PDB file of N, CA and C in Angstrom:
ATOM      1  N   MET A   1      96.919  76.993 112.149  1.00  0.00           N
ATOM      2  CA  MET A   1      96.435  76.655 110.973  1.00  0.00           C
ATOM      3  C   MET A   1      97.632  76.904 109.990  1.00  0.00           C
ATOM      4  N   LEU A   2      98.549  78.106 110.178  1.00  0.00           N
ATOM      5  CA  LEU A   2      99.265  78.513 109.473  1.00  0.00           C
ATOM      6  C   LEU A   2     100.823  77.367 109.281  1.00  0.00           C
ATOM      7  N   ASP A   3     100.831  76.829 110.918  1.00  0.00           N
ATOM      8  CA  ASP A   3     101.840  76.175 111.282  1.00  0.00           C
ATOM      9  C   ASP A   3     101.464  74.645 110.481  1.00  0.00           C
ATOM     10  N   SER A   4     100.218  74.434 110.424  1.00  0.00           N
ATOM     11  CA  SER A   4      99.519  72.884 109.497  1.00  0.00           C
ATOM     12  C   SER A   4     100.168  73.001 108.122  1.00  0.00           C
ATOM     13  N   ILE A   5     100.441  74.128 107.393  1.00  0.00           N
ATOM     14  CA  ILE A   5     100.406  74.472 105.657  1.00  0.00           C
ATOM     15  C   ILE A   5     102.361  73.917 104.705  1.00  0.00           C
ATOM     16  N   ASP A   6     101.928  72.695 104.325  1.00  0.00           N
ATOM     17  CA  ASP A   6     103.273  72.059 104.171  1.00  0.00           C
ATOM     18  C   ASP A   6     104.476  73.100 102.960  1.00  0.00           C
ATOM     19  N   THR A   7     104.992  73.274 104.272  1.00  0.00           N
ATOM     20  CA  THR A   7     106.180  74.538 103.140  1.00  0.00           C
ATOM     21  C   THR A   7     107.241  73.846 102.488  1.00  0.00           C
ATOM     22  N   SER A   8     107.503  72.417 101.685  1.00  0.00           N
ATOM     23  CA  SER A   8     108.198  71.593 101.347  1.00  0.00           C
ATOM     24  C   SER A   8     107.917  72.611 100.125  1.00  0.00           C
ATOM     25  N   THR A   9     107.238  72.623  99.666  1.00  0.00           N
ATOM     26  CA  THR A   9     106.892  73.029  98.446  1.00  0.00           C
ATOM     27  C   THR A   9     106.860  74.619  97.655  1.00  0.00           C
ATOM     28  N   HIS A  10     106.907  74.648  96.740  1.00  0.00           N
ATOM     29  CA  HIS A  10     106.965  76.352  96.771  1.00  0.00           C
ATOM     30  C   HIS A  10     105.616  76.480  96.894  1.00  0.00           C
ATOM     31  N   ALA A  11     104.778  75.930  96.726  1.00  0.00           N
ATOM     32  CA  ALA A  11     103.330  76.419  96.488  1.00  0.00           C
ATOM     33  C   ALA A  11     102.611  76.604  98.199  1.00  0.00           C
ATOM     34  N   GLY A  12     102.772  75.621  98.786  1.00  0.00           N
ATOM     35  CA  GLY A  12     102.848  75.833 100.736  1.00  0.00           C
ATOM     36  C   GLY A  12     103.477  76.849 100.967  1.00  0.00           C
ATOM     37  N   LEU A  13     104.781  77.260 100.382  1.00  0.00           N
ATOM     38  CA  LEU A  13     105.991  78.822 100.672  1.00  0.00           C
ATOM     39  C   LEU A  13     104.636  79.669 100.412  1.00  0.00           C
ATOM     40  N   ARG A  14     104.367  79.827  99.454  1.00  0.00           N
ATOM     41  CA  ARG A  14     103.374  80.917  98.905  1.00  0.00           C
ATOM     42  C   ARG A  14     101.960  81.029  99.460  1.00  0.00           C
ATOM     43  N   ASP A  15     101.203  79.893  99.330  1.00  0.00           N
ATOM     44  CA  ASP A  15      99.853  79.841 100.435  1.00  0.00           C
ATOM     45  C   ASP A  15      99.926  80.454 101.853  1.00  0.00           C
ATOM     46  N   ARG A  16     101.105  79.731 102.299  1.00  0.00           N
ATOM     47  CA  ARG A  16     101.182  80.197 104.083  1.00  0.00           C
ATOM     48  C   ARG A  16     101.708  81.645 103.866  1.00  0.00           C
ATOM     49  N   ALA A  17     102.420  82.642 102.726  1.00  0.00           N
ATOM     50  CA  ALA A  17     102.847  83.597 103.009  1.00  0.00           C
ATOM     51  C   ALA A  17     101.491  84.958 102.504  1.00  0.00           C
ATOM     52  N   LEU A  18     100.509  83.774 101.602  1.00  0.00           N
ATOM     53  CA  LEU A  18      99.782  85.094 101.082  1.00  0.00           C
ATOM     54  C   LEU A  18      98.374  85.033 102.415  1.00  0.00           C
ATOM     55  N   ILE A  19      98.421  83.952 103.244  1.00  0.00           N
ATOM     56  CA  ILE A  19      97.177  83.371 104.273  1.00  0.00           C
ATOM     57  C   ILE A  19      97.753  84.305 105.061  1.00  0.00           C
ATOM     58  N   ALA A  20      99.111  84.183 105.517  1.00  0.00           N
ATOM     59  CA  ALA A  20      99.681  85.260 106.888  1.00  0.00           C
ATOM     60  C   ALA A  20      99.475  86.434 106.381  1.00  0.00           C
ATOM     61  N   LEU A  21      99.434  86.593 105.146  1.00  0.00           N
ATOM     62  CA  LEU A  21      99.802  88.832 105.126  1.00  0.00           C
ATOM     63  C   LEU A  21      97.952  89.173 104.793  1.00  0.00           C
ATOM     64  N   MET A  22      97.244  87.888 104.744  1.00  0.00           N
ATOM     65  CA  MET A  22      95.978  88.773 104.883  1.00  0.00           C
ATOM     66  C   MET A  22      95.429  88.256 106.791  1.00  0.00           C
ATOM     67  N   VAL A  23      96.055  87.404 107.468  1.00  0.00           N
ATOM     68  CA  VAL A  23      95.988  87.704 108.564  1.00  0.00           C
ATOM     69  C   VAL A  23      96.161  88.738 109.882  1.00  0.00           C
ATOM     70  N   TYR A  24      97.642  88.986 109.552  1.00  0.00           N
ATOM     71  CA  TYR A  24      98.162  89.522 110.078  1.00  0.00           C
ATOM     72  C   TYR A  24      98.331  91.211 109.630  1.00  0.00           C
ATOM     73  N   SER A  25      97.582  91.422 108.307  1.00  0.00           N
ATOM     74  CA  SER A  25      97.445  92.964 107.484  1.00  0.00           C
ATOM     75  C   SER A  25      95.985  92.760 107.494  1.00  0.00           C
ATOM     76  N   PHE A  26      95.230  92.253 107.791  1.00  0.00           N
ATOM     77  CA  PHE A  26      93.505  92.730 107.290  1.00  0.00           C
ATOM     78  C   PHE A  26      93.616  92.443 106.271  1.00  0.00           C
ATOM     79  N   ALA A  27      94.021  92.065 105.099  1.00  0.00           N
ATOM     80  CA  ALA A  27      94.131  92.286 103.898  1.00  0.00           C
ATOM     81  C   ALA A  27      93.383  91.559 102.823  1.00  0.00           C
ATOM     82  N   ARG A  28      92.666  92.524 102.362  1.00  0.00           N
ATOM     83  CA  ARG A  28      91.398  91.866 101.137  1.00  0.00           C
ATOM     84  C   ARG A  28      92.174  90.641  99.895  1.00  0.00           C
ATOM     85  N   ILE A  29      91.622  89.367  99.712  1.00  0.00           N
ATOM     86  CA  ILE A  29      92.118  88.670  98.926  1.00  0.00           C
ATOM     87  C   ILE A  29      92.143  89.174  97.542  1.00  0.00           C
ATOM     88  N   GLY A  30      91.961  90.126  97.289  1.00  0.00           N
ATOM     89  CA  GLY A  30      92.328  90.493  95.998  1.00  0.00           C
ATOM     90  C   GLY A  30      93.396  91.857  96.402  1.00  0.00           C
ATOM     91  N   ALA A  31      93.432  92.532  97.582  1.00  0.00           N
ATOM     92  CA  ALA A  31      95.206  93.110  97.343  1.00  0.00           C
ATOM     93  C   ALA A  31      95.765  92.292  97.691  1.00  0.00           C
ATOM     94  N   ALA A  32      95.773  91.258  98.248  1.00  0.00           N
ATOM     95  CA  ALA A  32      96.986  90.355  98.386  1.00  0.00           C
ATOM     96  C   ALA A  32      97.669  90.181  97.073  1.00  0.00           C
ATOM     97  N   LEU A  33      96.826  89.660  96.517  1.00  0.00           N
ATOM     98  CA  LEU A  33      96.593  88.903  94.960  1.00  0.00           C
ATOM     99  C   LEU A  33      97.136  90.222  93.457  1.00  0.00           C
ATOM    100  N   GLY A  34      96.877  91.059  94.447  1.00  0.00           N
ATOM    101  CA  GLY A  34      97.528  92.120  93.077  1.00  0.00           C
ATOM    102  C   GLY A  34      98.746  92.701  93.825  1.00  0.00           C
ATOM    103  N   MET A  35      99.419  92.258  94.373  1.00  0.00           N
ATOM    104  CA  MET A  35     100.522  92.818  95.202  1.00  0.00           C
ATOM    105  C   MET A  35     101.979  92.098  94.218  1.00  0.00           C
ATOM    106  N   THR A  36     102.835  92.993  94.292  1.00  0.00           N
ATOM    107  CA  THR A  36     103.837  92.522  93.355  1.00  0.00           C
ATOM    108  C   THR A  36     105.331  92.776  94.283  1.00  0.00           C
ATOM    109  N   ALA A  37     106.150  91.091  93.465  1.00  0.00           N
ATOM    110  CA  ALA A  37     107.269  91.985  94.528  1.00  0.00           C
ATOM    111  C   ALA A  37     107.799  93.199  95.332  1.00  0.00           C
ATOM    112  N   ASP A  38     107.418  94.108  94.461  1.00  0.00           N
ATOM    113  CA  ASP A  38     107.691  95.652  94.887  1.00  0.00           C
ATOM    114  C   ASP A  38     107.043  95.920  96.255  1.00  0.00           C
ATOM    115  N   ASP A  39     106.086  95.135  96.255  1.00  0.00           N
ATOM    116  CA  ASP A  39     104.962  95.797  97.221  1.00  0.00           C
ATOM    117  C   ASP A  39     105.871  95.555  98.266  1.00  0.00           C
ATOM    118  N   VAL A  40     106.292  94.942  98.898  1.00  0.00           N
ATOM    119  CA  VAL A  40     107.341  93.998  99.672  1.00  0.00           C
ATOM    120  C   VAL A  40     108.751  94.834  99.790  1.00  0.00           C
ATOM    121  N   PHE A  41     109.220  95.874 100.715  1.00  0.00           N
ATOM    122  CA  PHE A  41     110.247  96.213 100.778  1.00  0.00           C
ATOM    123  C   PHE A  41     110.456  96.278 102.050  1.00  0.00           C
ATOM    124  N   THR A  42     112.272  96.931 102.802  1.00  0.00           N
ATOM    125  CA  THR A  42     112.626  97.223 103.698  1.00  0.00           C
ATOM    126  C   THR A  42     112.652  98.687 103.994  1.00  0.00           C
ATOM    127  N   GLN A  43     111.760  99.854 105.038  1.00  0.00           N
ATOM    128  CA  GLN A  43     112.588 100.728 105.449  1.00  0.00           C
ATOM    129  C   GLN A  43     112.446 100.445 107.089  1.00  0.00           C
ATOM    130  N   ASP A  44     113.416 101.389 107.657  1.00  0.00           N
ATOM    131  CA  ASP A  44     114.484 101.329 108.713  1.00  0.00           C
ATOM    132  C   ASP A  44     114.459 100.072 109.429  1.00  0.00           C
ATOM    133  N   ARG A  45     115.111  99.891 108.523  1.00  0.00           N
ATOM    134  CA  ARG A  45     115.247  97.650 109.132  1.00  0.00           C
ATOM    135  C   ARG A  45     114.129  96.712 109.491  1.00  0.00           C
ATOM    136  N   ARG A  46     113.322  96.982 108.537  1.00  0.00           N
ATOM    137  CA  ARG A  46     112.222  95.886 108.748  1.00  0.00           C
ATOM    138  C   ARG A  46     110.939  95.977 107.486  1.00  0.00           C
ATOM    139  N   LEU A  47     110.882  94.728 107.118  1.00  0.00           N
ATOM    140  CA  LEU A  47     110.290  94.871 106.493  1.00  0.00           C
ATOM    141  C   LEU A  47     108.560  95.043 106.399  1.00  0.00           C
ATOM    142  N   TRP A  48     108.047  95.907 105.286  1.00  0.00           N
ATOM    143  CA  TRP A  48     106.848  97.030 105.224  1.00  0.00           C
ATOM    144  C   TRP A  48     105.935  96.371 103.719  1.00  0.00           C
ATOM    145  N   VAL A  49     105.003  96.453 103.703  1.00  0.00           N
ATOM    146  CA  VAL A  49     104.264  95.749 102.734  1.00  0.00           C
ATOM    147  C   VAL A  49     103.417  97.223 101.885  1.00  0.00           C
ATOM    148  N   ARG A  50     102.997  97.007 100.919  1.00  0.00           N
ATOM    149  CA  ARG A  50     102.183  98.114 100.196  1.00  0.00           C
ATOM    150  C   ARG A  50     100.636  97.043  99.999  1.00  0.00           C
ATOM    151  N   LEU A  51      99.488  97.614 100.541  1.00  0.00           N
ATOM    152  CA  LEU A  51      98.735  97.235  99.409  1.00  0.00           C
ATOM    153  C   LEU A  51      98.129  98.512  98.881  1.00  0.00           C
ATOM    154  N   ARG A  52      97.117  97.952  97.707  1.00  0.00           N
ATOM    155  CA  ARG A  52      96.255  98.051  97.107  1.00  0.00           C
ATOM    156  C   ARG A  52      95.107  98.620  96.990  1.00  0.00           C
ATOM    157  N   GLU A  53      94.201  98.940  97.605  1.00  0.00           N
ATOM    158  CA  GLU A  53      92.639  98.577  98.254  1.00  0.00           C
ATOM    159  C   GLU A  53      91.744  99.332  97.351  1.00  0.00           C
ATOM    160  N   LYS A  54      90.917  98.874  97.432  1.00  0.00           N
ATOM    161  CA  LYS A  54      89.662  99.176  96.876  1.00  0.00           C
ATOM    162  C   LYS A  54      89.791 101.059  96.573  1.00  0.00           C
ATOM    163  N   GLY A  55      89.180 101.287  95.045  1.00  0.00           N
ATOM    164  CA  GLY A  55      89.432 102.764  95.454  1.00  0.00           C
ATOM    165  C   GLY A  55      90.851 103.597  94.689  1.00  0.00           C
ATOM    166  N   GLY A  56      91.637 102.383  94.828  1.00  0.00           N
ATOM    167  CA  GLY A  56      93.128 102.993  94.120  1.00  0.00           C
ATOM    168  C   GLY A  56      94.059 103.136  95.674  1.00  0.00           C
ATOM    169  N   ASN A  57      93.234 103.411  96.779  1.00  0.00           N
ATOM    170  CA  ASN A  57      94.437 103.783  97.809  1.00  0.00           C
ATOM    171  C   ASN A  57      95.053 102.597  97.701  1.00  0.00           C
ATOM    172  N   ARG A  58      96.289 103.628  98.467  1.00  0.00           N
ATOM    173  CA  ARG A  58      97.570 102.693  98.882  1.00  0.00           C
ATOM    174  C   ARG A  58      97.755 102.697  99.932  1.00  0.00           C
ATOM    175  N   HIS A  59      97.695 101.082 100.472  1.00  0.00           N
ATOM    176  CA  HIS A  59      98.177 101.576 102.279  1.00  0.00           C
ATOM    177  C   HIS A  59      99.683 101.122 102.735  1.00  0.00           C
ATOM    178  N   ALA A  60     100.190 101.538 103.723  1.00  0.00           N
ATOM    179  CA  ALA A  60     101.818 100.805 103.632  1.00  0.00           C
ATOM    180  C   ALA A  60     101.655 100.349 105.366  1.00  0.00           C
ATOM    181  N   MET A  61     102.090  99.069 105.381  1.00  0.00           N
ATOM    182  CA  MET A  61     102.049  98.874 107.183  1.00  0.00           C
ATOM    183  C   MET A  61     103.476  98.590 107.443  1.00  0.00           C
ATOM    184  N   PRO A  62     103.791  97.714 108.355  1.00  0.00           N
ATOM    185  CA  PRO A  62     105.284  97.080 108.448  1.00  0.00           C
ATOM    186  C   PRO A  62     104.931  95.795 109.264  1.00  0.00           C
ATOM    187  N   CYS A  63     105.208  95.068 108.547  1.00  0.00           N
ATOM    188  CA  CYS A  63     105.335  93.534 108.858  1.00  0.00           C
ATOM    189  C   CYS A  63     104.958  93.132 110.170  1.00  0.00           C
ATOM    190  N   HIS A  64     104.305  92.104 110.346  1.00  0.00           N
ATOM    191  CA  HIS A  64     104.786  91.450 112.249  1.00  0.00           C
ATOM    192  C   HIS A  64     105.863  90.740 111.618  1.00  0.00           C
ATOM    193  N   GLN A  65     106.493  90.199 112.966  1.00  0.00           N
ATOM    194  CA  GLN A  65     107.665  89.213 112.571  1.00  0.00           C
ATOM    195  C   GLN A  65     107.147  88.133 111.993  1.00  0.00           C
ATOM    196  N   ASN A  66     106.073  87.706 112.271  1.00  0.00           N
ATOM    197  CA  ASN A  66     106.035  85.849 111.941  1.00  0.00           C
ATOM    198  C   ASN A  66     105.997  86.476 109.928  1.00  0.00           C
ATOM    199  N   LEU A  67     105.260  87.563 109.948  1.00  0.00           N
ATOM    200  CA  LEU A  67     104.636  87.636 107.944  1.00  0.00           C
ATOM    201  C   LEU A  67     105.483  88.071 107.338  1.00  0.00           C
ATOM    202  N   GLU A  68     107.316  88.366 108.277  1.00  0.00           N
ATOM    203  CA  GLU A  68     108.642  89.285 107.484  1.00  0.00           C
ATOM    204  C   GLU A  68     109.406  87.803 107.386  1.00  0.00           C
ATOM    205  N   GLU A  69     108.884  86.551 108.156  1.00  0.00           N
ATOM    206  CA  GLU A  69     109.610  85.422 108.130  1.00  0.00           C
ATOM    207  C   GLU A  69     108.714  84.856 106.743  1.00  0.00           C
ATOM    208  N   TYR A  70     107.406  84.584 107.176  1.00  0.00           N
ATOM    209  CA  TYR A  70     106.941  83.754 105.315  1.00  0.00           C
ATOM    210  C   TYR A  70     107.496  84.216 104.516  1.00  0.00           C
ATOM    211  N   LEU A  71     107.306  85.695 104.011  1.00  0.00           N
ATOM    212  CA  LEU A  71     107.117  86.432 103.054  1.00  0.00           C
ATOM    213  C   LEU A  71     108.564  86.614 102.670  1.00  0.00           C
ATOM    214  N   THR A  72     109.523  86.363 102.969  1.00  0.00           N
ATOM    215  CA  THR A  72     111.019  86.431 102.871  1.00  0.00           C
ATOM    216  C   THR A  72     111.231  84.748 102.544  1.00  0.00           C
ATOM    217  N   ALA A  73     111.201  84.377 103.011  1.00  0.00           N
ATOM    218  CA  ALA A  73     110.766  82.572 102.438  1.00  0.00           C
ATOM    219  C   ALA A  73     110.199  82.452 101.123  1.00  0.00           C
ATOM    220  N   HIS A  74     109.061  83.078 101.125  1.00  0.00           N
ATOM    221  CA  HIS A  74     108.374  82.740  99.923  1.00  0.00           C
ATOM    222  C   HIS A  74     109.160  83.844  98.899  1.00  0.00           C
ATOM    223  N   LEU A  75     109.815  85.004  98.878  1.00  0.00           N
ATOM    224  CA  LEU A  75     110.653  85.515  97.817  1.00  0.00           C
ATOM    225  C   LEU A  75     111.341  85.192  97.192  1.00  0.00           C
ATOM    226  N   ASP A  76     112.482  84.504  98.511  1.00  0.00           N
ATOM    227  CA  ASP A  76     113.888  84.096  98.410  1.00  0.00           C
ATOM    228  C   ASP A  76     113.321  82.633  97.424  1.00  0.00           C
ATOM    229  N   ARG A  77     112.921  81.724  97.579  1.00  0.00           N
ATOM    230  CA  ARG A  77     112.062  80.251  97.248  1.00  0.00           C
ATOM    231  C   ARG A  77     111.737  80.375  95.464  1.00  0.00           C
ATOM    232  N   ALA A  78     111.460  81.625  95.884  1.00  0.00           N
ATOM    233  CA  ALA A  78     110.630  81.628  94.084  1.00  0.00           C
ATOM    234  C   ALA A  78     111.421  82.774  93.097  1.00  0.00           C
ATOM    235  N   GLY A  79     112.291  83.100  93.697  1.00  0.00           N
ATOM    236  CA  GLY A  79     113.474  83.849  93.207  1.00  0.00           C
ATOM    237  C   GLY A  79     112.814  85.156  92.113  1.00  0.00           C
ATOM    238  N   LEU A  80     111.660  85.872  93.216  1.00  0.00           N
ATOM    239  CA  LEU A  80     111.211  87.283  93.158  1.00  0.00           C
ATOM    240  C   LEU A  80     111.819  88.635  93.114  1.00  0.00           C
ATOM    241  N   ARG A  81     112.626  88.211  94.230  1.00  0.00           N
ATOM    242  CA  ARG A  81     113.017  89.405  93.942  1.00  0.00           C
ATOM    243  C   ARG A  81     114.099  90.112  93.152  1.00  0.00           C
ATOM    244  N   GLY A  82     114.329  89.248  92.053  1.00  0.00           N
ATOM    245  CA  GLY A  82     114.970  89.607  91.339  1.00  0.00           C
ATOM    246  C   GLY A  82     114.086  90.340  89.853  1.00  0.00           C
ATOM    247  N   ASP A  83     112.697  90.324  89.792  1.00  0.00           N
ATOM    248  CA  ASP A  83     111.608  90.629  89.470  1.00  0.00           C
ATOM    249  C   ASP A  83     110.867  91.074  90.451  1.00  0.00           C
ATOM    250  N   PRO A  84     111.207  92.654  90.346  1.00  0.00           N
ATOM    251  CA  PRO A  84     109.881  93.350  91.512  1.00  0.00           C
ATOM    252  C   PRO A  84     108.954  93.742  90.748  1.00  0.00           C
ATOM    253  N   LYS A  85     108.274  93.825  89.774  1.00  0.00           N
ATOM    254  CA  LYS A  85     107.403  94.032  88.607  1.00  0.00           C
ATOM    255  C   LYS A  85     106.134  92.761  89.001  1.00  0.00           C
ATOM    256  N   GLY A  86     107.077  91.291  89.085  1.00  0.00           N
ATOM    257  CA  GLY A  86     106.623  89.853  89.598  1.00  0.00           C
ATOM    258  C   GLY A  86     105.446  90.111  90.365  1.00  0.00           C
ATOM    259  N   PRO A  87     104.613  89.285  89.745  1.00  0.00           N
ATOM    260  CA  PRO A  87     103.022  88.754  91.316  1.00  0.00           C
ATOM    261  C   PRO A  87     103.905  88.456  92.354  1.00  0.00           C
ATOM    262  N   LEU A  88     103.264  88.783  93.531  1.00  0.00           N
ATOM    263  CA  LEU A  88     104.000  87.930  94.491  1.00  0.00           C
ATOM    264  C   LEU A  88     103.133  86.858  94.888  1.00  0.00           C
ATOM    265  N   SER A  89     102.313  86.627  94.245  1.00  0.00           N
ATOM    266  CA  SER A  89     101.081  85.251  94.198  1.00  0.00           C
ATOM    267  C   SER A  89     101.536  84.175  93.178  1.00  0.00           C
ATOM    268  N   GLY A  90     102.811  84.359  92.042  1.00  0.00           N
ATOM    269  CA  GLY A  90     102.986  84.133  91.323  1.00  0.00           C
ATOM    270  C   GLY A  90     101.838  83.712  90.078  1.00  0.00           C
ATOM    271  N   ARG A  91     102.124  82.815  89.480  1.00  0.00           N
ATOM    272  CA  ARG A  91     101.879  82.411  88.074  1.00  0.00           C
ATOM    273  C   ARG A  91      99.719  82.104  88.495  1.00  0.00           C
ATOM    274  N   SER A  92      99.932  81.270  89.419  1.00  0.00           N
ATOM    275  CA  SER A  92      98.761  80.341  89.946  1.00  0.00           C
ATOM    276  C   SER A  92      97.892  81.527  90.862  1.00  0.00           C
ATOM    277  N   GLY A  93      98.126  82.173  90.841  1.00  0.00           N
ATOM    278  CA  GLY A  93      97.424  83.165  92.271  1.00  0.00           C
ATOM    279  C   GLY A  93      96.220  83.802  91.934  1.00  0.00           C
ATOM    280  N   ALA A  94      95.596  83.921  90.080  1.00  0.00           N
ATOM    281  CA  ALA A  94      94.587  83.837  90.004  1.00  0.00           C
ATOM    282  C   ALA A  94      93.610  82.620  90.163  1.00  0.00           C
ATOM    283  N   ALA A  95      94.146  81.288  90.517  1.00  0.00           N
ATOM    284  CA  ALA A  95      93.531  79.748  90.746  1.00  0.00           C
ATOM    285  C   ALA A  95      93.119  79.922  92.079  1.00  0.00           C
ATOM    286  N   LEU A  96      93.959  80.717  92.809  1.00  0.00           N
ATOM    287  CA  LEU A  96      93.774  80.409  94.597  1.00  0.00           C
ATOM    288  C   LEU A  96      92.296  81.494  94.527  1.00  0.00           C
ATOM    289  N   ALA A  97      92.489  82.879  93.924  1.00  0.00           N
ATOM    290  CA  ALA A  97      91.446  84.040  94.241  1.00  0.00           C
ATOM    291  C   ALA A  97      89.881  83.040  93.716  1.00  0.00           C
ATOM    292  N   SER A  98      89.961  82.340  92.452  1.00  0.00           N
ATOM    293  CA  SER A  98      88.444  81.863  92.078  1.00  0.00           C
ATOM    294  C   SER A  98      87.978  80.680  92.733  1.00  0.00           C
ATOM    295  N   SER A  99      89.294  79.812  93.141  1.00  0.00           N
ATOM    296  CA  SER A  99      88.607  78.608  93.646  1.00  0.00           C
ATOM    297  C   SER A  99      87.552  78.536  94.624  1.00  0.00           C
ATOM    298  N   PRO A 100      87.826  79.269  95.841  1.00  0.00           N
ATOM    299  CA  PRO A 100      86.674  79.585  96.964  1.00  0.00           C
ATOM    300  C   PRO A 100      84.905  79.738  96.298  1.00  0.00           C
ATOM    301  N   ALA A 101      85.082  80.501  95.157  1.00  0.00           N
ATOM    302  CA  ALA A 101      83.786  80.787  94.386  1.00  0.00           C
ATOM    303  C   ALA A 101      83.482  79.795  93.629  1.00  0.00           C
ATOM    304  N   ARG A 102      84.626  79.154  92.859  1.00  0.00           N
ATOM    305  CA  ARG A 102      84.199  77.641  92.290  1.00  0.00           C
ATOM    306  C   ARG A 102      83.317  76.591  93.090  1.00  0.00           C
ATOM    307  N   CYS A 103      84.653  76.423  94.430  1.00  0.00           N
ATOM    308  CA  CYS A 103      83.530  75.183  95.132  1.00  0.00           C
ATOM    309  C   CYS A 103      82.612  75.742  95.915  1.00  0.00           C
ATOM    310  N   CYS A 104      82.008  76.872  96.228  1.00  0.00           N
ATOM    311  CA  CYS A 104      81.019  77.386  97.248  1.00  0.00           C
ATOM    312  C   CYS A 104      80.028  77.710  96.763  1.00  0.00           C
ATOM    313  N   ARG A 105      79.595  78.077  95.775  1.00  0.00           N
ATOM    314  CA  ARG A 105      78.431  78.420  94.954  1.00  0.00           C
ATOM    315  C   ARG A 105      77.705  77.546  94.711  1.00  0.00           C
ATOM    316  N   ARG A 106      76.361  78.323  95.409  1.00  0.00           N
ATOM    317  CA  ARG A 106      75.321  77.339  95.469  1.00  0.00           C
ATOM    318  C   ARG A 106      74.515  77.425  94.133  1.00  0.00           C
ATOM    319  N   ARG A 107      74.096  76.032  93.424  1.00  0.00           N
ATOM    320  CA  ARG A 107      73.658  75.896  92.592  1.00  0.00           C
ATOM    321  C   ARG A 107      71.593  75.473  92.524  1.00  0.00           C
ATOM    322  N   THR A 108      71.410  76.675  91.948  1.00  0.00           N
ATOM    323  CA  THR A 108      70.136  77.106  91.784  1.00  0.00           C
ATOM    324  C   THR A 108      69.248  76.285  90.996  1.00  0.00           C
ATOM    325  N   PRO A 109      68.131  75.700  91.079  1.00  0.00           N
ATOM    326  CA  PRO A 109      67.445  74.650  90.317  1.00  0.00           C
ATOM    327  C   PRO A 109      66.842  75.962  89.453  1.00  0.00           C
ATOM    328  N   THR A 110      67.092  75.657  88.193  1.00  0.00           N
ATOM    329  CA  THR A 110      66.512  76.083  86.683  1.00  0.00           C
ATOM    330  C   THR A 110      65.496  75.431  86.605  1.00  0.00           C
ATOM    331  N   ARG A 111      63.877  76.127  86.376  1.00  0.00           N
ATOM    332  CA  ARG A 111      62.770  75.778  86.156  1.00  0.00           C
ATOM    333  C   ARG A 111      62.595  75.641  84.572  1.00  0.00           C
TER     334      ARG A 111
END
């Protein structure tokens, strides 16, 4: 699935990085979209991610090698390394979170 994403665009790199983050770390969409560039960091020569979970809990974990490659490509192409407080998902991250709810919402008949 991740290989089928068109990574020739910035949006494709972002989407691949966010989907890979959820796949490899089992992160919720809210935790993934709430990340900043500062939440991706190097420790002991490995790339780590810091997730903010429900209830304010923070969880840091090392990245899988594929996730490391995808996040690095996204951060470099988007120029987010110079803005550590900038959102990892970019400006359109909110659209990613709301689109499944909009397209899959059941309409109930009104009487």
